[in-house]
Structure formats: C-alpha cells, structure tokens
Amino acid sequence: MENSGLVNMLCDDKYEDLGRMYTLFRRVTDGLLKIREVMTSHIRESGKQLVTDPERLKDPVEFVQRLLDEKDKYDKIINLPFNND
C-alpha cells in the first residue's frame, strides 16, 4: 500500500512504528533478515542518490553534513527501535 511499509517508516522517522514492527518480525523465522534486506536496499539507494546528485556536490560542506545526518538517522533507528540489533 502507498504510504506504508518499512521504507515509508524509515523516511518519515516513525520510531514507534519501527519498534513495533521490529518486535513482531523478531518472532517470525527470518523476519529480521527481511527487515535487514529492505533497510539495506533503502540505505544504499538513498546514499546513491545523495552521492550522484550534482547539486549536492557543488557545496562540499553541505554534502558531508548531509552524509553525516543520514548516518546519524540510521544509527538512531538501529539503536532505539531496533534495540541495537
């Protein structure tokens, strides 16, 4: 469905929903593997878009800051809703 699912929760910083999904998928065989696959694919795609955007490359300071912000965002997701798993 549109505006739902893991990628939407990651993009919209829905930490509580991510935590509930983690708790449910943890109980399912290979559930966390599916979360990891989707999350890895999303992070790679968003990183690729960031690195290949010519507008972002014009200002190196803003580019590096954006990369650091993305890293902080996903570190926070892994640490809080996903219990550092």
N, C-alpha and C. Protein backbone atom coordinates (compact mmCIF):
# COMPACT_ATOMS: atom_id res chain seq x y z
N MET A 1 0.84 -1.18 0.00
CA MET A 1 0.00 0.00 0.00
C MET A 1 0.88 1.25 0.00
N GLU A 2 0.38 2.27 -0.63
CA GLU A 2 1.12 3.52 -0.67
C GLU A 2 1.17 4.14 0.71
N ASN A 3 2.27 4.79 1.02
CA ASN A 3 2.47 5.45 2.32
C ASN A 3 2.44 4.48 3.49
N SER A 4 2.92 3.27 3.26
CA SER A 4 3.02 2.31 4.36
C SER A 4 4.25 1.46 4.12
N GLY A 5 4.59 0.65 5.10
CA GLY A 5 5.72 -0.24 4.97
C GLY A 5 6.99 0.30 5.58
N LEU A 6 8.00 -0.53 5.55
CA LEU A 6 9.26 -0.21 6.20
C LEU A 6 9.92 1.03 5.62
N VAL A 7 9.98 1.15 4.30
CA VAL A 7 10.66 2.29 3.68
C VAL A 7 9.99 3.59 4.07
N ASN A 8 8.67 3.59 4.08
CA ASN A 8 7.95 4.80 4.49
C ASN A 8 8.26 5.15 5.94
N MET A 9 8.30 4.16 6.81
CA MET A 9 8.61 4.41 8.22
C MET A 9 10.03 4.95 8.38
N LEU A 10 10.96 4.43 7.58
CA LEU A 10 12.34 4.92 7.64
C LEU A 10 12.41 6.37 7.18
N CYS A 11 11.74 6.68 6.08
CA CYS A 11 11.78 8.04 5.52
C CYS A 11 11.12 9.05 6.45
N ASP A 12 10.05 8.63 7.11
CA ASP A 12 9.27 9.55 7.95
C ASP A 12 9.66 9.51 9.42
N ASP A 13 10.74 8.80 9.77
CA ASP A 13 11.22 8.73 11.15
C ASP A 13 10.13 8.27 12.13
N LYS A 14 9.42 7.24 11.78
CA LYS A 14 8.36 6.71 12.64
C LYS A 14 8.96 5.66 13.57
N TYR A 15 9.63 6.14 14.61
CA TYR A 15 10.38 5.27 15.52
C TYR A 15 9.49 4.30 16.28
N GLU A 16 8.34 4.75 16.74
CA GLU A 16 7.45 3.86 17.49
C GLU A 16 6.93 2.74 16.61
N ASP A 17 6.54 3.08 15.38
CA ASP A 17 6.06 2.06 14.44
C ASP A 17 7.18 1.09 14.08
N LEU A 18 8.38 1.61 13.89
CA LEU A 18 9.53 0.74 13.60
C LEU A 18 9.79 -0.21 14.76
N GLY A 19 9.67 0.28 15.97
CA GLY A 19 9.86 -0.56 17.15
C GLY A 19 8.83 -1.68 17.22
N ARG A 20 7.56 -1.35 16.93
CA ARG A 20 6.52 -2.37 16.94
C ARG A 20 6.75 -3.40 15.84
N MET A 21 7.17 -2.94 14.67
CA MET A 21 7.44 -3.86 13.58
C MET A 21 8.61 -4.77 13.92
N TYR A 22 9.65 -4.20 14.53
CA TYR A 22 10.80 -5.00 14.95
C TYR A 22 10.37 -6.09 15.92
N THR A 23 9.54 -5.74 16.90
CA THR A 23 9.08 -6.70 17.90
C THR A 23 8.30 -7.84 17.24
N LEU A 24 7.46 -7.51 16.27
CA LEU A 24 6.68 -8.54 15.58
C LEU A 24 7.56 -9.42 14.69
N PHE A 25 8.42 -8.80 13.89
CA PHE A 25 9.25 -9.55 12.96
C PHE A 25 10.31 -10.38 13.67
N ARG A 26 10.68 -9.98 14.87
CA ARG A 26 11.65 -10.74 15.65
C ARG A 26 11.13 -12.13 15.98
N ARG A 27 9.82 -12.25 16.09
CA ARG A 27 9.19 -13.52 16.44
C ARG A 27 9.03 -14.47 15.25
N VAL A 28 9.17 -13.94 14.04
CA VAL A 28 8.96 -14.72 12.82
C VAL A 28 10.29 -15.25 12.32
N THR A 29 10.30 -16.49 11.85
CA THR A 29 11.51 -17.07 11.28
C THR A 29 11.98 -16.20 10.11
N ASP A 30 13.22 -15.80 10.14
CA ASP A 30 13.84 -14.94 9.12
C ASP A 30 13.18 -13.57 9.01
N GLY A 31 12.41 -13.16 9.99
CA GLY A 31 11.75 -11.86 9.95
C GLY A 31 12.74 -10.72 9.98
N LEU A 32 13.74 -10.82 10.86
CA LEU A 32 14.74 -9.75 10.93
C LEU A 32 15.61 -9.73 9.68
N LEU A 33 15.78 -10.86 9.05
CA LEU A 33 16.53 -10.91 7.80
C LEU A 33 15.81 -10.10 6.72
N LYS A 34 14.49 -10.20 6.67
CA LYS A 34 13.71 -9.41 5.70
C LYS A 34 13.83 -7.92 5.98
N ILE A 35 13.75 -7.54 7.26
CA ILE A 35 13.90 -6.13 7.62
C ILE A 35 15.28 -5.64 7.19
N ARG A 36 16.30 -6.43 7.47
CA ARG A 36 17.66 -6.04 7.11
C ARG A 36 17.82 -5.88 5.60
N GLU A 37 17.24 -6.78 4.83
CA GLU A 37 17.35 -6.71 3.37
C GLU A 37 16.71 -5.44 2.83
N VAL A 38 15.51 -5.13 3.29
CA VAL A 38 14.80 -3.94 2.81
C VAL A 38 15.52 -2.68 3.27
N MET A 39 15.94 -2.67 4.51
CA MET A 39 16.63 -1.49 5.05
C MET A 39 17.96 -1.26 4.34
N THR A 40 18.72 -2.33 4.09
CA THR A 40 19.99 -2.22 3.38
C THR A 40 19.78 -1.68 1.98
N SER A 41 18.79 -2.19 1.29
CA SER A 41 18.48 -1.72 -0.06
C SER A 41 18.10 -0.25 -0.06
N HIS A 42 17.29 0.14 0.91
CA HIS A 42 16.86 1.55 1.00
C HIS A 42 18.05 2.47 1.30
N ILE A 43 18.89 2.07 2.23
CA ILE A 43 20.05 2.91 2.59
C ILE A 43 20.99 3.04 1.40
N ARG A 44 21.22 1.97 0.69
CA ARG A 44 22.09 2.03 -0.50
C ARG A 44 21.50 2.95 -1.56
N GLU A 45 20.21 2.83 -1.79
CA GLU A 45 19.56 3.67 -2.81
C GLU A 45 19.58 5.14 -2.42
N SER A 46 19.27 5.45 -1.18
CA SER A 46 19.28 6.85 -0.75
C SER A 46 20.70 7.40 -0.75
N GLY A 47 21.67 6.59 -0.37
CA GLY A 47 23.08 7.02 -0.44
C GLY A 47 23.54 7.25 -1.86
N LYS A 48 23.12 6.38 -2.75
CA LYS A 48 23.47 6.52 -4.17
C LYS A 48 22.90 7.81 -4.74
N GLN A 49 21.64 8.11 -4.40
CA GLN A 49 21.02 9.35 -4.86
C GLN A 49 21.77 10.56 -4.32
N LEU A 50 22.18 10.50 -3.09
CA LEU A 50 22.90 11.61 -2.48
C LEU A 50 24.26 11.82 -3.14
N VAL A 51 24.96 10.75 -3.38
CA VAL A 51 26.32 10.83 -3.95
C VAL A 51 26.30 11.23 -5.42
N THR A 52 25.26 10.85 -6.15
CA THR A 52 25.22 11.14 -7.57
C THR A 52 24.48 12.43 -7.91
N ASP A 53 23.98 13.14 -6.92
CA ASP A 53 23.28 14.40 -7.15
C ASP A 53 24.29 15.51 -7.40
N PRO A 54 24.35 16.05 -8.64
CA PRO A 54 25.36 17.07 -8.94
C PRO A 54 25.17 18.36 -8.15
N GLU A 55 23.96 18.67 -7.75
CA GLU A 55 23.71 19.89 -6.96
C GLU A 55 24.36 19.78 -5.58
N ARG A 56 24.29 18.61 -4.99
CA ARG A 56 24.89 18.42 -3.65
C ARG A 56 26.41 18.48 -3.70
N LEU A 57 26.97 18.07 -4.81
CA LEU A 57 28.43 18.04 -4.92
C LEU A 57 29.05 19.42 -5.06
N LYS A 58 28.23 20.42 -5.35
CA LYS A 58 28.74 21.78 -5.53
C LYS A 58 29.23 22.39 -4.21
N ASP A 59 28.60 22.02 -3.12
CA ASP A 59 28.98 22.54 -1.81
C ASP A 59 29.48 21.37 -0.95
N PRO A 60 30.80 21.19 -0.87
CA PRO A 60 31.35 20.04 -0.14
C PRO A 60 30.95 19.99 1.33
N VAL A 61 30.85 21.13 1.97
CA VAL A 61 30.50 21.15 3.40
C VAL A 61 29.07 20.64 3.58
N GLU A 62 28.16 21.11 2.76
CA GLU A 62 26.76 20.66 2.85
C GLU A 62 26.65 19.18 2.50
N PHE A 63 27.43 18.74 1.52
CA PHE A 63 27.43 17.34 1.11
C PHE A 63 27.87 16.44 2.27
N VAL A 64 28.97 16.77 2.90
CA VAL A 64 29.47 15.97 4.02
C VAL A 64 28.49 16.01 5.19
N GLN A 65 27.91 17.18 5.45
CA GLN A 65 26.93 17.29 6.53
C GLN A 65 25.72 16.42 6.26
N ARG A 66 25.27 16.39 5.02
CA ARG A 66 24.12 15.55 4.65
C ARG A 66 24.46 14.07 4.86
N LEU A 67 25.66 13.66 4.47
CA LEU A 67 26.08 12.28 4.69
C LEU A 67 26.09 11.94 6.19
N LEU A 68 26.62 12.85 6.99
CA LEU A 68 26.67 12.62 8.43
C LEU A 68 25.27 12.57 9.04
N ASP A 69 24.38 13.43 8.54
CA ASP A 69 23.00 13.43 9.02
C ASP A 69 22.31 12.10 8.71
N GLU A 70 22.54 11.58 7.51
CA GLU A 70 21.96 10.29 7.14
C GLU A 70 22.50 9.17 8.04
N LYS A 71 23.80 9.19 8.28
CA LYS A 71 24.39 8.17 9.15
C LYS A 71 23.80 8.26 10.56
N ASP A 72 23.68 9.47 11.09
CA ASP A 72 23.09 9.65 12.42
C ASP A 72 21.66 9.13 12.47
N LYS A 73 20.89 9.40 11.41
CA LYS A 73 19.50 8.98 11.36
C LYS A 73 19.40 7.45 11.47
N TYR A 74 20.18 6.75 10.68
CA TYR A 74 20.08 5.28 10.68
C TYR A 74 20.73 4.67 11.92
N ASP A 75 21.74 5.31 12.46
CA ASP A 75 22.29 4.86 13.75
C ASP A 75 21.23 4.95 14.84
N LYS A 76 20.47 6.04 14.83
CA LYS A 76 19.42 6.23 15.82
C LYS A 76 18.33 5.17 15.66
N ILE A 77 17.98 4.86 14.42
CA ILE A 77 16.97 3.83 14.17
C ILE A 77 17.45 2.48 14.68
N ILE A 78 18.70 2.16 14.41
CA ILE A 78 19.23 0.87 14.86
C ILE A 78 19.31 0.82 16.38
N ASN A 79 19.69 1.92 17.01
CA ASN A 79 19.86 1.94 18.46
C ASN A 79 18.54 1.96 19.22
N LEU A 80 17.57 2.74 18.76
CA LEU A 80 16.32 2.89 19.52
C LEU A 80 15.29 1.82 19.16
N PRO A 81 14.60 1.94 18.03
CA PRO A 81 13.54 0.97 17.75
C PRO A 81 14.04 -0.47 17.56
N PHE A 82 15.26 -0.63 17.06
CA PHE A 82 15.76 -1.98 16.79
C PHE A 82 16.67 -2.51 17.89
N ASN A 83 16.68 -1.86 19.03
CA ASN A 83 17.42 -2.32 20.21
C ASN A 83 18.87 -2.66 19.91
N ASN A 84 19.49 -1.89 19.05
CA ASN A 84 20.90 -2.08 18.68
C ASN A 84 21.17 -3.49 18.13
N ASP A 85 20.16 -4.04 17.46
CA ASP A 85 20.26 -5.41 16.91
C ASP A 85 20.70 -5.34 15.46
